[in-house]
PDB file of N, CA and C in Angstrom:
ATOM      1  N   MET A   1      14.749 -28.785  -6.040  1.00  0.00           N
ATOM      2  CA  MET A   1      14.507 -27.449  -5.563  1.00  0.00           C
ATOM      3  C   MET A   1      13.403 -26.831  -6.401  1.00  0.00           C
ATOM      4  N   GLY A   2      12.343 -26.318  -5.746  1.00  0.00           N
ATOM      5  CA  GLY A   2      11.213 -25.735  -6.447  1.00  0.00           C
ATOM      6  C   GLY A   2      11.437 -24.265  -6.760  1.00  0.00           C
ATOM      7  N   ILE A   3      10.615 -23.760  -7.657  1.00  0.00           N
ATOM      8  CA  ILE A   3      10.662 -22.349  -8.021  1.00  0.00           C
ATOM      9  C   ILE A   3       9.741 -21.588  -7.072  1.00  0.00           C
ATOM     10  N   ALA A   4      10.224 -20.471  -6.559  1.00  0.00           N
ATOM     11  CA  ALA A   4       9.413 -19.650  -5.649  1.00  0.00           C
ATOM     12  C   ALA A   4       8.230 -19.071  -6.423  1.00  0.00           C
ATOM     13  N   PRO A   5       7.057 -19.025  -5.797  1.00  0.00           N
ATOM     14  CA  PRO A   5       5.875 -18.471  -6.477  1.00  0.00           C
ATOM     15  C   PRO A   5       6.037 -16.973  -6.745  1.00  0.00           C
ATOM     16  N   LEU A   6       5.357 -16.498  -7.803  1.00  0.00           N
ATOM     17  CA  LEU A   6       5.374 -15.071  -8.119  1.00  0.00           C
ATOM     18  C   LEU A   6       4.599 -14.265  -7.098  1.00  0.00           C
ATOM     19  N   SER A   7       3.461 -14.788  -6.641  1.00  0.00           N
ATOM     20  CA  SER A   7       2.610 -14.081  -5.685  1.00  0.00           C
ATOM     21  C   SER A   7       2.233 -14.989  -4.533  1.00  0.00           C
ATOM     22  N   ILE A   8       2.264 -14.427  -3.335  1.00  0.00           N
ATOM     23  CA  ILE A   8       1.870 -15.143  -2.125  1.00  0.00           C
ATOM     24  C   ILE A   8       0.806 -14.305  -1.425  1.00  0.00           C
ATOM     25  N   PRO A   9      -0.431 -14.799  -1.334  1.00  0.00           N
ATOM     26  CA  PRO A   9      -1.475 -14.025  -0.637  1.00  0.00           C
ATOM     27  C   PRO A   9      -1.111 -13.819   0.837  1.00  0.00           C
ATOM     28  N   ILE A  10      -1.455 -12.639   1.345  1.00  0.00           N
ATOM     29  CA  ILE A  10      -1.194 -12.284   2.741  1.00  0.00           C
ATOM     30  C   ILE A  10      -2.514 -11.868   3.385  1.00  0.00           C
ATOM     31  N   ASP A  11      -2.759 -12.337   4.583  1.00  0.00           N
ATOM     32  CA  ASP A  11      -3.923 -11.894   5.347  1.00  0.00           C
ATOM     33  C   ASP A  11      -3.738 -10.406   5.652  1.00  0.00           C
ATOM     34  N   PRO A  12      -4.688  -9.550   5.255  1.00  0.00           N
ATOM     35  CA  PRO A  12      -4.537  -8.111   5.509  1.00  0.00           C
ATOM     36  C   PRO A  12      -4.275  -7.759   6.974  1.00  0.00           C
ATOM     37  N   ASN A  13      -4.754  -8.581   7.892  1.00  0.00           N
ATOM     38  CA  ASN A  13      -4.516  -8.326   9.309  1.00  0.00           C
ATOM     39  C   ASN A  13      -3.083  -8.645   9.735  1.00  0.00           C
ATOM     40  N   GLN A  14      -2.297  -9.253   8.836  1.00  0.00           N
ATOM     41  CA  GLN A  14      -0.920  -9.641   9.139  1.00  0.00           C
ATOM     42  C   GLN A  14       0.107  -8.775   8.410  1.00  0.00           C
ATOM     43  N   LEU A  15      -0.300  -7.590   7.946  1.00  0.00           N
ATOM     44  CA  LEU A  15       0.616  -6.724   7.196  1.00  0.00           C
ATOM     45  C   LEU A  15       1.866  -6.369   7.996  1.00  0.00           C
ATOM     46  N   ALA A  16       1.702  -6.003   9.249  1.00  0.00           N
ATOM     47  CA  ALA A  16       2.839  -5.560  10.068  1.00  0.00           C
ATOM     48  C   ALA A  16       3.932  -6.623  10.130  1.00  0.00           C
ATOM     49  N   GLN A  17       3.549  -7.895  10.128  1.00  0.00           N
ATOM     50  CA  GLN A  17       4.534  -8.969  10.201  1.00  0.00           C
ATOM     51  C   GLN A  17       5.343  -9.098   8.911  1.00  0.00           C
ATOM     52  N   GLN A  18       4.887  -8.490   7.828  1.00  0.00           N
ATOM     53  CA  GLN A  18       5.571  -8.591   6.540  1.00  0.00           C
ATOM     54  C   GLN A  18       6.484  -7.401   6.256  1.00  0.00           C
ATOM     55  N   LEU A  19       6.501  -6.395   7.103  1.00  0.00           N
ATOM     56  CA  LEU A  19       7.219  -5.171   6.773  1.00  0.00           C
ATOM     57  C   LEU A  19       8.734  -5.263   6.949  1.00  0.00           C
ATOM     58  N   HIS A  20       9.200  -6.001   7.935  1.00  0.00           N
ATOM     59  CA  HIS A  20      10.633  -6.220   8.172  1.00  0.00           C
ATOM     60  C   HIS A  20      11.427  -4.927   8.013  1.00  0.00           C
ATOM     61  N   ASP A  21      12.298  -4.848   7.010  1.00  0.00           N
ATOM     62  CA  ASP A  21      13.169  -3.682   6.817  1.00  0.00           C
ATOM     63  C   ASP A  21      12.598  -2.671   5.829  1.00  0.00           C
ATOM     64  N   ARG A  22      11.340  -2.751   5.535  1.00  0.00           N
ATOM     65  CA  ARG A  22      10.738  -1.821   4.573  1.00  0.00           C
ATOM     66  C   ARG A  22      10.530  -0.481   5.262  1.00  0.00           C
ATOM     67  N   ARG A  23      11.154   0.559   4.728  1.00  0.00           N
ATOM     68  CA  ARG A  23      11.159   1.862   5.394  1.00  0.00           C
ATOM     69  C   ARG A  23       9.995   2.751   4.998  1.00  0.00           C
ATOM     70  N   PHE A  24       9.433   2.538   3.823  1.00  0.00           N
ATOM     71  CA  PHE A  24       8.364   3.406   3.336  1.00  0.00           C
ATOM     72  C   PHE A  24       7.499   2.634   2.352  1.00  0.00           C
ATOM     73  N   ALA A  25       6.393   3.246   1.967  1.00  0.00           N
ATOM     74  CA  ALA A  25       5.482   2.654   0.983  1.00  0.00           C
ATOM     75  C   ALA A  25       5.093   3.718  -0.036  1.00  0.00           C
ATOM     76  N   TYR A  26       4.691   3.259  -1.204  1.00  0.00           N
ATOM     77  CA  TYR A  26       4.117   4.147  -2.216  1.00  0.00           C
ATOM     78  C   TYR A  26       2.601   4.050  -2.120  1.00  0.00           C
ATOM     79  N   LEU A  27       1.928   5.170  -1.948  1.00  0.00           N
ATOM     80  CA  LEU A  27       0.469   5.232  -1.967  1.00  0.00           C
ATOM     81  C   LEU A  27       0.071   5.701  -3.361  1.00  0.00           C
ATOM     82  N   ILE A  28      -0.719   4.889  -4.047  1.00  0.00           N
ATOM     83  CA  ILE A  28      -1.097   5.165  -5.432  1.00  0.00           C
ATOM     84  C   ILE A  28      -2.589   5.437  -5.505  1.00  0.00           C
ATOM     85  N   THR A  29      -2.932   6.618  -6.013  1.00  0.00           N
ATOM     86  CA  THR A  29      -4.329   6.990  -6.228  1.00  0.00           C
ATOM     87  C   THR A  29      -4.534   7.199  -7.723  1.00  0.00           C
ATOM     88  N   VAL A  30      -5.791   7.079  -8.155  1.00  0.00           N
ATOM     89  CA  VAL A  30      -6.117   7.286  -9.564  1.00  0.00           C
ATOM     90  C   VAL A  30      -7.414   8.067  -9.667  1.00  0.00           C
ATOM     91  N   THR A  31      -7.390   9.110 -10.490  1.00  0.00           N
ATOM     92  CA  THR A  31      -8.601   9.846 -10.812  1.00  0.00           C
ATOM     93  C   THR A  31      -8.416  10.476 -12.183  1.00  0.00           C
ATOM     94  N   ASP A  32      -9.509  10.636 -12.889  1.00  0.00           N
ATOM     95  CA  ASP A  32      -9.464  11.209 -14.242  1.00  0.00           C
ATOM     96  C   ASP A  32      -8.440  10.502 -15.123  1.00  0.00           C
ATOM     97  N   ASN A  33      -8.335   9.175 -14.977  1.00  0.00           N
ATOM     98  CA  ASN A  33      -7.404   8.354 -15.762  1.00  0.00           C
ATOM     99  C   ASN A  33      -5.936   8.735 -15.570  1.00  0.00           C
ATOM    100  N   ARG A  34      -5.610   9.355 -14.437  1.00  0.00           N
ATOM    101  CA  ARG A  34      -4.232   9.702 -14.109  1.00  0.00           C
ATOM    102  C   ARG A  34      -3.890   9.143 -12.743  1.00  0.00           C
ATOM    103  N   SER A  35      -2.719   8.540 -12.647  1.00  0.00           N
ATOM    104  CA  SER A  35      -2.274   8.034 -11.351  1.00  0.00           C
ATOM    105  C   SER A  35      -1.431   9.094 -10.645  1.00  0.00           C
ATOM    106  N   HIS A  36      -1.437   9.003  -9.328  1.00  0.00           N
ATOM    107  CA  HIS A  36      -0.647   9.900  -8.488  1.00  0.00           C
ATOM    108  C   HIS A  36       0.052   9.013  -7.465  1.00  0.00           C
ATOM    109  N   VAL A  37       1.365   9.139  -7.356  1.00  0.00           N
ATOM    110  CA  VAL A  37       2.152   8.275  -6.480  1.00  0.00           C
ATOM    111  C   VAL A  37       2.936   9.140  -5.499  1.00  0.00           C
ATOM    112  N   VAL A  38       2.834   8.789  -4.219  1.00  0.00           N
ATOM    113  CA  VAL A  38       3.614   9.471  -3.185  1.00  0.00           C
ATOM    114  C   VAL A  38       4.278   8.430  -2.294  1.00  0.00           C
ATOM    115  N   ALA A  39       5.474   8.743  -1.822  1.00  0.00           N
ATOM    116  CA  ALA A  39       6.195   7.873  -0.899  1.00  0.00           C
ATOM    117  C   ALA A  39       5.942   8.364   0.521  1.00  0.00           C
ATOM    118  N   LEU A  40       5.407   7.479   1.365  1.00  0.00           N
ATOM    119  CA  LEU A  40       5.039   7.834   2.736  1.00  0.00           C
ATOM    120  C   LEU A  40       5.366   6.678   3.676  1.00  0.00           C
ATOM    121  N   VAL A  41       5.352   6.972   4.965  1.00  0.00           N
ATOM    122  CA  VAL A  41       5.523   5.933   5.983  1.00  0.00           C
ATOM    123  C   VAL A  41       4.190   5.765   6.698  1.00  0.00           C
ATOM    124  N   PRO A  42       3.472   4.665   6.414  1.00  0.00           N
ATOM    125  CA  PRO A  42       2.169   4.478   7.063  1.00  0.00           C
ATOM    126  C   PRO A  42       2.305   3.874   8.457  1.00  0.00           C
ATOM    127  N   GLU A  43       1.317   4.179   9.284  1.00  0.00           N
ATOM    128  CA  GLU A  43       1.151   3.456  10.545  1.00  0.00           C
ATOM    129  C   GLU A  43       0.271   2.263  10.224  1.00  0.00           C
ATOM    130  N   VAL A  44       0.621   1.102  10.746  1.00  0.00           N
ATOM    131  CA  VAL A  44      -0.129  -0.120  10.454  1.00  0.00           C
ATOM    132  C   VAL A  44      -0.800  -0.607  11.721  1.00  0.00           C
ATOM    133  N   ASN A  45      -2.119  -0.796  11.644  1.00  0.00           N
ATOM    134  CA  ASN A  45      -2.896  -1.318  12.762  1.00  0.00           C
ATOM    135  C   ASN A  45      -3.820  -2.396  12.206  1.00  0.00           C
ATOM    136  N   GLY A  46      -3.349  -3.639  12.220  1.00  0.00           N
ATOM    137  CA  GLY A  46      -4.130  -4.717  11.613  1.00  0.00           C
ATOM    138  C   GLY A  46      -4.230  -4.490  10.115  1.00  0.00           C
ATOM    139  N   ALA A  47      -5.458  -4.428   9.602  1.00  0.00           N
ATOM    140  CA  ALA A  47      -5.691  -4.212   8.171  1.00  0.00           C
ATOM    141  C   ALA A  47      -5.950  -2.742   7.846  1.00  0.00           C
ATOM    142  N   VAL A  48      -5.643  -1.840   8.789  1.00  0.00           N
ATOM    143  CA  VAL A  48      -5.869  -0.407   8.560  1.00  0.00           C
ATOM    144  C   VAL A  48      -4.521   0.304   8.515  1.00  0.00           C
ATOM    145  N   LEU A  49      -4.332   1.096   7.462  1.00  0.00           N
ATOM    146  CA  LEU A  49      -3.123   1.890   7.297  1.00  0.00           C
ATOM    147  C   LEU A  49      -3.469   3.351   7.535  1.00  0.00           C
ATOM    148  N   GLY A  50      -2.611   4.062   8.227  1.00  0.00           N
ATOM    149  CA  GLY A  50      -2.811   5.483   8.454  1.00  0.00           C
ATOM    150  C   GLY A  50      -1.660   6.277   7.865  1.00  0.00           C
ATOM    151  N   PHE A  51      -1.988   7.282   7.066  1.00  0.00           N
ATOM    152  CA  PHE A  51      -0.998   8.173   6.465  1.00  0.00           C
ATOM    153  C   PHE A  51      -1.280   9.579   6.985  1.00  0.00           C
ATOM    154  N   THR A  52      -0.312  10.202   7.644  1.00  0.00           N
ATOM    155  CA  THR A  52      -0.577  11.488   8.291  1.00  0.00           C
ATOM    156  C   THR A  52      -0.021  12.687   7.543  1.00  0.00           C
ATOM    157  N   THR A  53       0.771  12.483   6.516  1.00  0.00           N
ATOM    158  CA  THR A  53       1.368  13.616   5.814  1.00  0.00           C
ATOM    159  C   THR A  53       1.007  13.609   4.333  1.00  0.00           C
ATOM    160  N   THR A  54      -0.257  13.469   4.036  1.00  0.00           N
ATOM    161  CA  THR A  54      -0.677  13.440   2.643  1.00  0.00           C
ATOM    162  C   THR A  54      -0.912  14.851   2.126  1.00  0.00           C
ATOM    163  N   GLY A  55      -0.744  15.014   0.837  1.00  0.00           N
ATOM    164  CA  GLY A  55      -0.950  16.309   0.216  1.00  0.00           C
ATOM    165  C   GLY A  55      -2.354  16.459  -0.330  1.00  0.00           C
ATOM    166  N   LYS A  56      -2.637  17.645  -0.837  1.00  0.00           N
ATOM    167  CA  LYS A  56      -3.987  17.940  -1.315  1.00  0.00           C
ATOM    168  C   LYS A  56      -4.360  17.123  -2.544  1.00  0.00           C
ATOM    169  N   THR A  57      -3.399  16.800  -3.419  1.00  0.00           N
ATOM    170  CA  THR A  57      -3.720  15.992  -4.602  1.00  0.00           C
ATOM    171  C   THR A  57      -4.150  14.588  -4.192  1.00  0.00           C
ATOM    172  N   THR A  58      -3.434  13.986  -3.270  1.00  0.00           N
ATOM    173  CA  THR A  58      -3.801  12.655  -2.777  1.00  0.00           C
ATOM    174  C   THR A  58      -5.196  12.676  -2.168  1.00  0.00           C
ATOM    175  N   ARG A  59      -5.467  13.651  -1.322  1.00  0.00           N
ATOM    176  CA  ARG A  59      -6.778  13.720  -0.664  1.00  0.00           C
ATOM    177  C   ARG A  59      -7.888  13.986  -1.678  1.00  0.00           C
ATOM    178  N   ARG A  60      -7.636  14.836  -2.654  1.00  0.00           N
ATOM    179  CA  ARG A  60      -8.632  15.117  -3.694  1.00  0.00           C
ATOM    180  C   ARG A  60      -8.920  13.863  -4.522  1.00  0.00           C
ATOM    181  N   ASP A  61      -7.859  13.128  -4.886  1.00  0.00           N
ATOM    182  CA  ASP A  61      -8.045  11.883  -5.647  1.00  0.00           C
ATOM    183  C   ASP A  61      -8.902  10.889  -4.875  1.00  0.00           C
ATOM    184  N   ILE A  62      -8.633  10.748  -3.582  1.00  0.00           N
ATOM    185  CA  ILE A  62      -9.376   9.782  -2.764  1.00  0.00           C
ATOM    186  C   ILE A  62     -10.835  10.197  -2.630  1.00  0.00           C
ATOM    187  N   ASP A  63     -11.091  11.491  -2.512  1.00  0.00           N
ATOM    188  CA  ASP A  63     -12.486  11.950  -2.474  1.00  0.00           C
ATOM    189  C   ASP A  63     -13.217  11.558  -3.759  1.00  0.00           C
ATOM    190  N   ALA A  64     -12.515  11.585  -4.895  1.00  0.00           N
ATOM    191  CA  ALA A  64     -13.130  11.238  -6.180  1.00  0.00           C
ATOM    192  C   ALA A  64     -13.176   9.734  -6.424  1.00  0.00           C
ATOM    193  N   ASN A  65     -12.169   8.988  -5.912  1.00  0.00           N
ATOM    194  CA  ASN A  65     -12.080   7.540  -6.131  1.00  0.00           C
ATOM    195  C   ASN A  65     -11.343   6.918  -4.950  1.00  0.00           C
ATOM    196  N   PRO A  66     -12.060   6.296  -4.027  1.00  0.00           N
ATOM    197  CA  PRO A  66     -11.426   5.789  -2.807  1.00  0.00           C
ATOM    198  C   PRO A  66     -10.588   4.524  -2.983  1.00  0.00           C
ATOM    199  N   ARG A  67     -10.612   3.888  -4.146  1.00  0.00           N
ATOM    200  CA  ARG A  67      -9.814   2.674  -4.369  1.00  0.00           C
ATOM    201  C   ARG A  67      -8.348   3.052  -4.528  1.00  0.00           C
ATOM    202  N   VAL A  68      -7.472   2.490  -3.687  1.00  0.00           N
ATOM    203  CA  VAL A  68      -6.045   2.805  -3.725  1.00  0.00           C
ATOM    204  C   VAL A  68      -5.217   1.527  -3.686  1.00  0.00           C
ATOM    205  N   THR A  69      -3.961   1.678  -4.038  1.00  0.00           N
ATOM    206  CA  THR A  69      -2.979   0.609  -3.911  1.00  0.00           C
ATOM    207  C   THR A  69      -1.804   1.158  -3.122  1.00  0.00           C
ATOM    208  N   VAL A  70      -1.262   0.326  -2.249  1.00  0.00           N
ATOM    209  CA  VAL A  70      -0.083   0.681  -1.467  1.00  0.00           C
ATOM    210  C   VAL A  70       0.987  -0.365  -1.776  1.00  0.00           C
ATOM    211  N   VAL A  71       2.198   0.097  -2.111  1.00  0.00           N
ATOM    212  CA  VAL A  71       3.290  -0.814  -2.473  1.00  0.00           C
ATOM    213  C   VAL A  71       4.501  -0.512  -1.595  1.00  0.00           C
ATOM    214  N   TRP A  72       4.964  -1.532  -0.882  1.00  0.00           N
ATOM    215  CA  TRP A  72       6.222  -1.460  -0.158  1.00  0.00           C
ATOM    216  C   TRP A  72       7.267  -2.145  -1.025  1.00  0.00           C
ATOM    217  N   PRO A  73       8.259  -1.419  -1.522  1.00  0.00           N
ATOM    218  CA  PRO A  73       9.286  -2.072  -2.328  1.00  0.00           C
ATOM    219  C   PRO A  73      10.157  -2.961  -1.441  1.00  0.00           C
ATOM    220  N   PRO A  74      10.799  -3.949  -2.042  1.00  0.00           N
ATOM    221  CA  PRO A  74      11.672  -4.813  -1.243  1.00  0.00           C
ATOM    222  C   PRO A  74      12.940  -4.070  -0.834  1.00  0.00           C
ATOM    223  N   SER A  75      13.549  -4.504   0.261  1.00  0.00           N
ATOM    224  CA  SER A  75      14.808  -3.894   0.680  1.00  0.00           C
ATOM    225  C   SER A  75      15.985  -4.434  -0.140  1.00  0.00           C
ATOM    226  N   GLU A  76      15.801  -5.590  -0.744  1.00  0.00           N
ATOM    227  CA  GLU A  76      16.804  -6.215  -1.625  1.00  0.00           C
ATOM    228  C   GLU A  76      16.116  -6.606  -2.930  1.00  0.00           C
ATOM    229  N   SER A  77      16.823  -6.536  -4.041  1.00  0.00           N
ATOM    230  CA  SER A  77      16.203  -6.840  -5.339  1.00  0.00           C
ATOM    231  C   SER A  77      15.751  -8.288  -5.462  1.00  0.00           C
ATOM    232  N   SER A  78      16.270  -9.175  -4.648  1.00  0.00           N
ATOM    233  CA  SER A  78      15.880 -10.584  -4.711  1.00  0.00           C
ATOM    234  C   SER A  78      14.650 -10.897  -3.852  1.00  0.00           C
ATOM    235  N   GLU A  79      14.127  -9.897  -3.133  1.00  0.00           N
ATOM    236  CA  GLU A  79      12.985 -10.112  -2.246  1.00  0.00           C
ATOM    237  C   GLU A  79      11.670  -9.721  -2.909  1.00  0.00           C
ATOM    238  N   TYR A  80      10.592  -9.996  -2.206  1.00  0.00           N
ATOM    239  CA  TYR A  80       9.245  -9.691  -2.683  1.00  0.00           C
ATOM    240  C   TYR A  80       8.834  -8.260  -2.333  1.00  0.00           C
ATOM    241  N   SER A  81       8.071  -7.633  -3.217  1.00  0.00           N
ATOM    242  CA  SER A  81       7.365  -6.394  -2.877  1.00  0.00           C
ATOM    243  C   SER A  81       6.096  -6.792  -2.141  1.00  0.00           C
ATOM    244  N   LEU A  82       5.598  -5.920  -1.288  1.00  0.00           N
ATOM    245  CA  LEU A  82       4.319  -6.134  -0.621  1.00  0.00           C
ATOM    246  C   LEU A  82       3.326  -5.162  -1.249  1.00  0.00           C
ATOM    247  N   ILE A  83       2.227  -5.690  -1.791  1.00  0.00           N
ATOM    248  CA  ILE A  83       1.227  -4.880  -2.490  1.00  0.00           C
ATOM    249  C   ILE A  83      -0.109  -5.062  -1.792  1.00  0.00           C
ATOM    250  N   ALA A  84      -0.761  -3.950  -1.457  1.00  0.00           N
ATOM    251  CA  ALA A  84      -2.049  -3.999  -0.766  1.00  0.00           C
ATOM    252  C   ALA A  84      -3.059  -3.109  -1.492  1.00  0.00           C
ATOM    253  N   ASP A  85      -4.264  -3.616  -1.682  1.00  0.00           N
ATOM    254  CA  ASP A  85      -5.360  -2.862  -2.293  1.00  0.00           C
ATOM    255  C   ASP A  85      -6.436  -2.634  -1.249  1.00  0.00           C
ATOM    256  N   GLY A  86      -7.056  -1.458  -1.287  1.00  0.00           N
ATOM    257  CA  GLY A  86      -8.114  -1.189  -0.330  1.00  0.00           C
ATOM    258  C   GLY A  86      -8.867   0.087  -0.630  1.00  0.00           C
ATOM    259  N   ASP A  87      -9.712   0.449   0.307  1.00  0.00           N
ATOM    260  CA  ASP A  87     -10.530   1.654   0.212  1.00  0.00           C
ATOM    261  C   ASP A  87     -10.003   2.681   1.203  1.00  0.00           C
ATOM    262  N   ALA A  88      -9.844   3.916   0.723  1.00  0.00           N
ATOM    263  CA  ALA A  88      -9.300   4.991   1.545  1.00  0.00           C
ATOM    264  C   ALA A  88     -10.382   5.999   1.897  1.00  0.00           C
ATOM    265  N   THR A  89     -10.202   6.630   3.035  1.00  0.00           N
ATOM    266  CA  THR A  89     -11.056   7.744   3.452  1.00  0.00           C
ATOM    267  C   THR A  89     -10.159   8.865   3.945  1.00  0.00           C
ATOM    268  N   VAL A  90     -10.635  10.090   3.792  1.00  0.00           N
ATOM    269  CA  VAL A  90      -9.888  11.270   4.207  1.00  0.00           C
ATOM    270  C   VAL A  90     -10.491  11.792   5.501  1.00  0.00           C
ATOM    271  N   HIS A  91      -9.632  12.079   6.463  1.00  0.00           N
ATOM    272  CA  HIS A  91     -10.030  12.638   7.755  1.00  0.00           C
ATOM    273  C   HIS A  91      -9.106  13.815   8.037  1.00  0.00           C
ATOM    274  N   GLY A  92      -9.481  15.013   7.579  1.00  0.00           N
ATOM    275  CA  GLY A  92      -8.602  16.178   7.709  1.00  0.00           C
ATOM    276  C   GLY A  92      -7.386  15.996   6.820  1.00  0.00           C
ATOM    277  N   ASP A  93      -6.192  16.043   7.407  1.00  0.00           N
ATOM    278  CA  ASP A  93      -4.954  15.826   6.656  1.00  0.00           C
ATOM    279  C   ASP A  93      -4.558  14.353   6.634  1.00  0.00           C
ATOM    280  N   GLU A  94      -5.292  13.521   7.332  1.00  0.00           N
ATOM    281  CA  GLU A  94      -4.963  12.099   7.432  1.00  0.00           C
ATOM    282  C   GLU A  94      -5.770  11.277   6.439  1.00  0.00           C
ATOM    283  N   VAL A  95      -5.133  10.215   5.948  1.00  0.00           N
ATOM    284  CA  VAL A  95      -5.808   9.244   5.091  1.00  0.00           C
ATOM    285  C   VAL A  95      -5.745   7.895   5.785  1.00  0.00           C
ATOM    286  N   ARG A  96      -6.868   7.194   5.794  1.00  0.00           N
ATOM    287  CA  ARG A  96      -6.918   5.829   6.326  1.00  0.00           C
ATOM    288  C   ARG A  96      -7.298   4.890   5.198  1.00  0.00           C
ATOM    289  N   VAL A  97      -6.595   3.767   5.129  1.00  0.00           N
ATOM    290  CA  VAL A  97      -6.862   2.755   4.105  1.00  0.00           C
ATOM    291  C   VAL A  97      -7.223   1.458   4.803  1.00  0.00           C
ATOM    292  N   VAL A  98      -8.387   0.908   4.470  1.00  0.00           N
ATOM    293  CA  VAL A  98      -8.772  -0.418   4.944  1.00  0.00           C
ATOM    294  C   VAL A  98      -8.382  -1.396   3.846  1.00  0.00           C
ATOM    295  N   VAL A  99      -7.406  -2.231   4.138  1.00  0.00           N
ATOM    296  CA  VAL A  99      -6.863  -3.162   3.150  1.00  0.00           C
ATOM    297  C   VAL A  99      -7.797  -4.356   2.992  1.00  0.00           C
ATOM    298  N   GLU A 100      -8.151  -4.641   1.753  1.00  0.00           N
ATOM    299  CA  GLU A 100      -9.010  -5.779   1.429  1.00  0.00           C
ATOM    300  C   GLU A 100      -8.219  -6.970   0.918  1.00  0.00           C
ATOM    301  N   ARG A 101      -7.085  -6.693   0.255  1.00  0.00           N
ATOM    302  CA  ARG A 101      -6.299  -7.755  -0.361  1.00  0.00           C
ATOM    303  C   ARG A 101      -4.832  -7.365  -0.305  1.00  0.00           C
ATOM    304  N   ALA A 102      -3.974  -8.339  -0.012  1.00  0.00           N
ATOM    305  CA  ALA A 102      -2.530  -8.069   0.016  1.00  0.00           C
ATOM    306  C   ALA A 102      -1.786  -9.293  -0.505  1.00  0.00           C
ATOM    307  N   VAL A 103      -0.679  -9.035  -1.205  1.00  0.00           N
ATOM    308  CA  VAL A 103       0.162 -10.113  -1.720  1.00  0.00           C
ATOM    309  C   VAL A 103       1.624  -9.720  -1.624  1.00  0.00           C
ATOM    310  N   LEU A 104       2.467 -10.713  -1.455  1.00  0.00           N
ATOM    311  CA  LEU A 104       3.888 -10.549  -1.682  1.00  0.00           C
ATOM    312  C   LEU A 104       4.096 -10.909  -3.143  1.00  0.00           C
ATOM    313  N   HIS A 105       4.836 -10.085  -3.883  1.00  0.00           N
ATOM    314  CA  HIS A 105       4.992 -10.314  -5.322  1.00  0.00           C
ATOM    315  C   HIS A 105       6.449 -10.095  -5.707  1.00  0.00           C
ATOM    316  N   ARG A 106       6.968 -10.987  -6.545  1.00  0.00           N
ATOM    317  CA  ARG A 106       8.342 -10.864  -7.030  1.00  0.00           C
ATOM    318  C   ARG A 106       8.329 -10.796  -8.552  1.00  0.00           C
ATOM    319  N   PRO A 107       9.396 -10.252  -9.133  1.00  0.00           N
ATOM    320  CA  PRO A 107       9.489 -10.239 -10.591  1.00  0.00           C
ATOM    321  C   PRO A 107       9.537 -11.657 -11.150  1.00  0.00           C
ATOM    322  N   ALA A 108       9.010 -11.827 -12.340  1.00  0.00           N
ATOM    323  CA  ALA A 108       9.043 -13.154 -13.003  1.00  0.00           C
ATOM    324  C   ALA A 108      10.450 -13.499 -13.400  1.00  0.00           C
TER     325      ALA A 108
END
């Protein structure tokens, strides 16, 4: 019996197939050497994520630094988290993230 890998690369266009029972995601922004984390439910369309209920801090951070990370925690502690990195843009109250890289990741 082999050991499960720590990280499994995922095609960004296949994000929706990895969500299963994941109810929400954490959107992480960084500006001025400070991170900002919010829990949201994104709409997934291929490699594009849409967040419709973002606050002013999230939008301000993205205007200053569009690089973001999105983390879907596992529904069970024995499962993998889904982590996606990409570039975000602000459109009114909505944020769109184009995912460039995604992995399933488990604790060591």
